[in-house]
């Protein structure tokens, strides 16, 4: 540096030393003030923010609890409705089952009466005097047909009984046996 440039630099350093003013010191002071005020504000607001957060959590908990209670009530109502519907359906099915059983009993009674009438007619014809040969052959043919029908009915009854046992299950169908004596 030249001696001419040293003098102004000396004067600037003296001025700063006397006045204590510099832009960097000012900037640092302002920055310290800003950071300090932000820190103070944050410390003051911290309890309030925690309270707001706790209030929000409580509100969320209350809302969720209310929704769960409403859903549980709806579920209970639906269960009760389903149970009453199931009872109603079971009652309807039982009434229909009884009606069908009564109709089947009537049909069985009518069929048995018809069978008895046919058997009685065959018996009368067999015991009648002086029947033409053609009628005797017809009676024999009808008796054979009736025997086949009765055998087929017996097979069908066995199939129905087997289906009932299969529907109940193998364990319920068979009686328990005592273990063999040793």
C-alpha atoms as a PDB file:
ATOM      1  CA  UNK A   1       0.000   0.000   0.000  1.00  0.00           C
ATOM      2  CA  UNK A   2       1.059   3.422  -0.683  1.00  0.00           C
ATOM      3  CA  UNK A   3       1.533   5.937   2.070  1.00  0.00           C
ATOM      4  CA  UNK A   4      -1.293   7.993   0.606  1.00  0.00           C
ATOM      5  CA  UNK A   5      -3.736   5.052   0.979  1.00  0.00           C
ATOM      6  CA  UNK A   6      -2.691   4.260   4.503  1.00  0.00           C
ATOM      7  CA  UNK A   7      -3.861   7.499   5.944  1.00  0.00           C
ATOM      8  CA  UNK A   8      -7.500   7.134   4.926  1.00  0.00           C
ATOM      9  CA  UNK A   9      -7.512   3.522   6.194  1.00  0.00           C
ATOM     10  CA  UNK A  10      -6.128   4.694   9.510  1.00  0.00           C
ATOM     11  CA  UNK A  11      -8.808   7.292   9.770  1.00  0.00           C
ATOM     12  CA  UNK A  12     -11.519   4.701   9.029  1.00  0.00           C
ATOM     13  CA  UNK A  13     -10.226   2.354  11.720  1.00  0.00           C
ATOM     14  CA  UNK A  14     -10.085   5.225  14.206  1.00  0.00           C
ATOM     15  CA  UNK A  15     -13.608   6.252  13.279  1.00  0.00           C
ATOM     16  CA  UNK A  16     -14.873   2.693  13.841  1.00  0.00           C
ATOM     17  CA  UNK A  17     -12.957   2.410  17.101  1.00  0.00           C
ATOM     18  CA  UNK A  18     -14.341   5.734  18.332  1.00  0.00           C
ATOM     19  CA  UNK A  19     -17.920   5.398  17.117  1.00  0.00           C
ATOM     20  CA  UNK A  20     -18.151   1.598  17.300  1.00  0.00           C
ATOM     21  CA  UNK A  21     -20.107   1.600  14.057  1.00  0.00           C
ATOM     22  CA  UNK A  22     -19.712  -0.902  11.319  1.00  0.00           C
ATOM     23  CA  UNK A  23     -22.179  -2.505   8.970  1.00  0.00           C
ATOM     24  CA  UNK A  24     -21.180  -6.009   9.937  1.00  0.00           C
ATOM     25  CA  UNK A  25     -21.656  -5.243  13.616  1.00  0.00           C
ATOM     26  CA  UNK A  26     -25.039  -3.700  12.828  1.00  0.00           C
ATOM     27  CA  UNK A  27     -26.077  -6.663  10.732  1.00  0.00           C
ATOM     28  CA  UNK A  28     -24.963  -9.061  13.456  1.00  0.00           C
ATOM     29  CA  UNK A  29     -26.906  -7.113  16.075  1.00  0.00           C
ATOM     30  CA  UNK A  30     -30.054  -7.081  13.945  1.00  0.00           C
ATOM     31  CA  UNK A  31     -29.672 -10.795  13.285  1.00  0.00           C
ATOM     32  CA  UNK A  32     -29.247 -11.492  17.011  1.00  0.00           C
ATOM     33  CA  UNK A  33     -32.362  -9.456  17.747  1.00  0.00           C
ATOM     34  CA  UNK A  34     -34.398 -11.341  15.151  1.00  0.00           C
ATOM     35  CA  UNK A  35     -33.238 -14.762  16.329  1.00  0.00           C
ATOM     36  CA  UNK A  36     -33.783 -13.797  19.957  1.00  0.00           C
ATOM     37  CA  UNK A  37     -37.289 -12.463  19.336  1.00  0.00           C
ATOM     38  CA  UNK A  38     -38.186 -15.565  17.315  1.00  0.00           C
ATOM     39  CA  UNK A  39     -36.902 -17.758  20.148  1.00  0.00           C
ATOM     40  CA  UNK A  40     -38.839 -15.788  22.754  1.00  0.00           C
ATOM     41  CA  UNK A  41     -41.995 -15.944  20.627  1.00  0.00           C
ATOM     42  CA  UNK A  42     -41.574 -19.682  20.134  1.00  0.00           C
ATOM     43  CA  UNK A  43     -41.081 -20.227  23.880  1.00  0.00           C
ATOM     44  CA  UNK A  44     -44.162 -18.130  24.684  1.00  0.00           C
ATOM     45  CA  UNK A  45     -46.328 -19.888  22.062  1.00  0.00           C
ATOM     46  CA  UNK A  46     -45.200 -23.400  22.934  1.00  0.00           C
ATOM     47  CA  UNK A  47     -47.737 -23.997  25.753  1.00  0.00           C
ATOM     48  CA  UNK A  48     -50.547 -22.575  23.616  1.00  0.00           C
ATOM     49  CA  UNK A  49     -49.569 -24.800  20.678  1.00  0.00           C
ATOM     50  CA  UNK A  50     -49.473 -27.834  22.983  1.00  0.00           C
ATOM     51  CA  UNK A  51     -52.941 -26.888  24.245  1.00  0.00           C
ATOM     52  CA  UNK A  52     -54.238 -26.534  20.681  1.00  0.00           C
ATOM     53  CA  UNK A  53     -52.719 -29.880  19.756  1.00  0.00           C
ATOM     54  CA  UNK A  54     -54.267 -31.526  22.835  1.00  0.00           C
ATOM     55  CA  UNK A  55     -57.658 -29.965  22.008  1.00  0.00           C
ATOM     56  CA  UNK A  56     -57.430 -31.283  18.453  1.00  0.00           C
ATOM     57  CA  UNK A  57     -56.536 -34.754  19.747  1.00  0.00           C
ATOM     58  CA  UNK A  58     -59.447 -34.660  22.198  1.00  0.00           C
ATOM     59  CA  UNK A  59     -61.838 -33.529  19.454  1.00  0.00           C
ATOM     60  CA  UNK A  60     -60.617 -36.300  17.145  1.00  0.00           C
ATOM     61  CA  UNK A  61     -60.982 -38.869  19.924  1.00  0.00           C
ATOM     62  CA  UNK A  62     -64.510 -37.649  20.693  1.00  0.00           C
ATOM     63  CA  UNK A  63     -65.472 -37.752  17.009  1.00  0.00           C
ATOM     64  CA  UNK A  64     -64.067 -41.240  16.523  1.00  0.00           C
ATOM     65  CA  UNK A  65     -65.729 -42.504  19.709  1.00  0.00           C
ATOM     66  CA  UNK A  66     -69.077 -41.111  18.541  1.00  0.00           C
ATOM     67  CA  UNK A  67     -68.685 -42.724  15.120  1.00  0.00           C
ATOM     68  CA  UNK A  68     -67.762 -46.090  16.654  1.00  0.00           C
ATOM     69  CA  UNK A  69     -70.794 -45.927  18.969  1.00  0.00           C
ATOM     70  CA  UNK A  70     -73.067 -45.113  16.006  1.00  0.00           C
ATOM     71  CA  UNK A  71     -71.615 -47.993  13.991  1.00  0.00           C
ATOM     72  CA  UNK A  72     -72.071 -50.378  16.924  1.00  0.00           C
ATOM     73  CA  UNK A  73     -75.717 -49.275  17.307  1.00  0.00           C
ATOM     74  CA  UNK A  74     -76.309 -49.784  13.588  1.00  0.00           C
ATOM     75  CA  UNK A  75     -74.654 -53.198  13.737  1.00  0.00           C
ATOM     76  CA  UNK A  76     -76.817 -54.204  16.730  1.00  0.00           C
ATOM     77  CA  UNK A  77     -79.951 -53.017  14.903  1.00  0.00           C
ATOM     78  CA  UNK A  78     -78.973 -54.980  11.794  1.00  0.00           C
ATOM     79  CA  UNK A  79     -78.282 -58.075  13.895  1.00  0.00           C
ATOM     80  CA  UNK A  80     -81.676 -57.771  15.575  1.00  0.00           C
ATOM     81  CA  UNK A  81     -83.356 -57.250  12.212  1.00  0.00           C
ATOM     82  CA  UNK A  82     -81.522 -60.239  10.752  1.00  0.00           C
ATOM     83  CA  UNK A  83     -82.507 -62.368  13.757  1.00  0.00           C
ATOM     84  CA  UNK A  84     -86.157 -61.354  13.454  1.00  0.00           C
ATOM     85  CA  UNK A  85     -86.033 -61.955   9.687  1.00  0.00           C
ATOM     86  CA  UNK A  86     -84.472 -65.353  10.317  1.00  0.00           C
ATOM     87  CA  UNK A  87     -87.199 -66.208  12.862  1.00  0.00           C
ATOM     88  CA  UNK A  88     -89.853 -65.030  10.441  1.00  0.00           C
ATOM     89  CA  UNK A  89     -88.321 -67.075   7.628  1.00  0.00           C
ATOM     90  CA  UNK A  90     -88.085 -70.124   9.878  1.00  0.00           C
ATOM     91  CA  UNK A  91     -91.748 -69.709  10.844  1.00  0.00           C
ATOM     92  CA  UNK A  92     -92.756 -69.433   7.186  1.00  0.00           C
ATOM     93  CA  UNK A  93     -90.673 -72.493   6.312  1.00  0.00           C
ATOM     94  CA  UNK A  94     -92.169 -74.468   9.190  1.00  0.00           C
ATOM     95  CA  UNK A  95     -95.721 -73.516   8.116  1.00  0.00           C
ATOM     96  CA  UNK A  96     -94.945 -74.521   4.527  1.00  0.00           C
ATOM     97  CA  UNK A  97     -93.355 -77.766   5.718  1.00  0.00           C
ATOM     98  CA  UNK A  98     -96.476 -78.612   7.734  1.00  0.00           C
ATOM     99  CA  UNK A  99     -98.714 -77.796   4.765  1.00  0.00           C
ATOM    100  CA  UNK A 100     -96.617 -80.034   2.497  1.00  0.00           C
ATOM    101  CA  UNK A 101     -96.670 -82.846   5.033  1.00  0.00           C
ATOM    102  CA  UNK A 102    -100.478 -82.581   5.244  1.00  0.00           C
ATOM    103  CA  UNK A 103    -100.765 -82.654   1.441  1.00  0.00           C
ATOM    104  CA  UNK A 104     -98.440 -85.663   1.230  1.00  0.00           C
ATOM    105  CA  UNK A 105    -100.436 -87.450   3.959  1.00  0.00           C
ATOM    106  CA  UNK A 106    -103.655 -86.823   2.009  1.00  0.00           C
ATOM    107  CA  UNK A 107    -102.086 -88.101  -1.218  1.00  0.00           C
ATOM    108  CA  UNK A 108    -100.725 -91.157   0.599  1.00  0.00           C
ATOM    109  CA  UNK A 109    -104.166 -91.850   2.066  1.00  0.00           C
ATOM    110  CA  UNK A 110    -105.813 -91.551  -1.364  1.00  0.00           C
ATOM    111  CA  UNK A 111    -103.192 -93.825  -2.959  1.00  0.00           C
ATOM    112  CA  UNK A 112    -103.631 -96.422  -0.204  1.00  0.00           C
ATOM    113  CA  UNK A 113    -107.408 -96.319  -0.692  1.00  0.00           C
ATOM    114  CA  UNK A 114    -106.984 -96.801  -4.446  1.00  0.00           C
ATOM    115  CA  UNK A 115    -104.595 -99.716  -3.843  1.00  0.00           C
ATOM    116  CA  UNK A 116    -107.062-101.339  -1.469  1.00  0.00           C
ATOM    117  CA  UNK A 117    -109.881-100.924  -3.989  1.00  0.00           C
ATOM    118  CA  UNK A 118    -107.760-102.461  -6.749  1.00  0.00           C
ATOM    119  CA  UNK A 119    -106.673-105.330  -4.493  1.00  0.00           C
ATOM    120  CA  UNK A 120    -110.306-105.948  -3.527  1.00  0.00           C
ATOM    121  CA  UNK A 121    -111.377-106.001  -7.193  1.00  0.00           C
ATOM    122  CA  UNK A 122    -108.584-108.437  -8.101  1.00  0.00           C
ATOM    123  CA  UNK A 123    -109.609-110.660  -5.171  1.00  0.00           C
ATOM    124  CA  UNK A 124    -113.250-110.607  -6.285  1.00  0.00           C
ATOM    125  CA  UNK A 125    -112.317-111.447  -9.855  1.00  0.00           C
ATOM    126  CA  UNK A 126    -110.011-114.290  -8.766  1.00  0.00           C
ATOM    127  CA  UNK A 127    -112.743-115.826  -6.660  1.00  0.00           C
ATOM    128  CA  UNK A 128    -115.435-115.408  -9.261  1.00  0.00           C
ATOM    129  CA  UNK A 129    -116.841-118.495 -10.971  1.00  0.00           C
ATOM    130  CA  UNK A 130    -116.478-119.131 -14.659  1.00  0.00           C
ATOM    131  CA  UNK A 131    -114.220-116.326 -15.865  1.00  0.00           C
ATOM    132  CA  UNK A 132    -113.077-116.269 -19.438  1.00  0.00           C
ATOM    133  CA  UNK A 133    -109.447-117.238 -19.985  1.00  0.00           C
ATOM    134  CA  UNK A 134    -108.644-113.761 -21.248  1.00  0.00           C
ATOM    135  CA  UNK A 135    -109.795-112.181 -17.935  1.00  0.00           C
ATOM    136  CA  UNK A 136    -107.731-114.707 -15.949  1.00  0.00           C
ATOM    137  CA  UNK A 137    -104.621-113.790 -17.969  1.00  0.00           C
ATOM    138  CA  UNK A 138    -105.375-110.071 -17.395  1.00  0.00           C
ATOM    139  CA  UNK A 139    -105.701-110.666 -13.649  1.00  0.00           C
ATOM    140  CA  UNK A 140    -102.348-112.490 -13.592  1.00  0.00           C
ATOM    141  CA  UNK A 141    -100.755-109.694 -15.595  1.00  0.00           C
ATOM    142  CA  UNK A 142    -102.167-107.033 -13.248  1.00  0.00           C
ATOM    143  CA  UNK A 143    -100.894-108.973 -10.200  1.00  0.00           C
ATOM    144  CA  UNK A 144     -97.377-109.151 -11.706  1.00  0.00           C
ATOM    145  CA  UNK A 145     -97.474-105.441 -12.475  1.00  0.00           C
ATOM    146  CA  UNK A 146     -98.607-104.684  -8.894  1.00  0.00           C
ATOM    147  CA  UNK A 147     -95.795-106.843  -7.487  1.00  0.00           C
ATOM    148  CA  UNK A 148     -93.215-104.900  -9.598  1.00  0.00           C
ATOM    149  CA  UNK A 149     -94.700-101.592  -8.477  1.00  0.00           C
ATOM    150  CA  UNK A 150     -94.514-102.588  -4.809  1.00  0.00           C
ATOM    151  CA  UNK A 151     -90.877-103.667  -5.239  1.00  0.00           C
ATOM    152  CA  UNK A 152     -90.027-100.350  -6.912  1.00  0.00           C
ATOM    153  CA  UNK A 153     -91.819 -98.433  -4.148  1.00  0.00           C
ATOM    154  CA  UNK A 154     -89.784-100.314  -1.552  1.00  0.00           C
ATOM    155  CA  UNK A 155     -86.563 -99.362  -3.369  1.00  0.00           C
ATOM    156  CA  UNK A 156     -87.647 -95.708  -3.542  1.00  0.00           C
ATOM    157  CA  UNK A 157     -88.518 -95.707   0.179  1.00  0.00           C
ATOM    158  CA  UNK A 158     -85.065 -97.120   0.901  1.00  0.00           C
ATOM    159  CA  UNK A 159     -83.432 -94.396  -1.223  1.00  0.00           C
ATOM    160  CA  UNK A 160     -85.427 -91.708   0.603  1.00  0.00           C
ATOM    161  CA  UNK A 161     -84.431 -93.137   3.990  1.00  0.00           C
ATOM    162  CA  UNK A 162     -80.781 -93.285   2.853  1.00  0.00           C
ATOM    163  CA  UNK A 163     -80.921 -89.655   1.706  1.00  0.00           C
ATOM    164  CA  UNK A 164     -82.337 -88.616   5.091  1.00  0.00           C
ATOM    165  CA  UNK A 165     -79.541 -90.441   6.889  1.00  0.00           C
ATOM    166  CA  UNK A 166     -76.928 -88.902   4.608  1.00  0.00           C
ATOM    167  CA  UNK A 167     -78.345 -85.422   5.244  1.00  0.00           C
ATOM    168  CA  UNK A 168     -78.140 -85.918   9.009  1.00  0.00           C
ATOM    169  CA  UNK A 169     -74.562 -87.131   8.816  1.00  0.00           C
ATOM    170  CA  UNK A 170     -72.796 -90.401   9.421  1.00  0.00           C
ATOM    171  CA  UNK A 171     -72.205 -89.854  13.157  1.00  0.00           C
ATOM    172  CA  UNK A 172     -75.831 -89.006  13.952  1.00  0.00           C
ATOM    173  CA  UNK A 173     -77.176 -91.855  11.807  1.00  0.00           C
ATOM    174  CA  UNK A 174     -75.279 -94.638  13.551  1.00  0.00           C
ATOM    175  CA  UNK A 175     -75.944 -95.438  17.219  1.00  0.00           C
ATOM    176  CA  UNK A 176     -72.892 -95.459  19.423  1.00  0.00           C
ATOM    177  CA  UNK A 177     -71.631 -98.891  20.324  1.00  0.00           C
ATOM    178  CA  UNK A 178     -70.179 -99.855  23.615  1.00  0.00           C
ATOM    179  CA  UNK A 179     -66.535-100.854  23.450  1.00  0.00           C
ATOM    180  CA  UNK A 180     -66.030-104.635  23.343  1.00  0.00           C
ATOM    181  CA  UNK A 181     -65.531-106.288  26.677  1.00  0.00           C
ATOM    182  CA  UNK A 182     -61.961-107.313  27.368  1.00  0.00           C
END
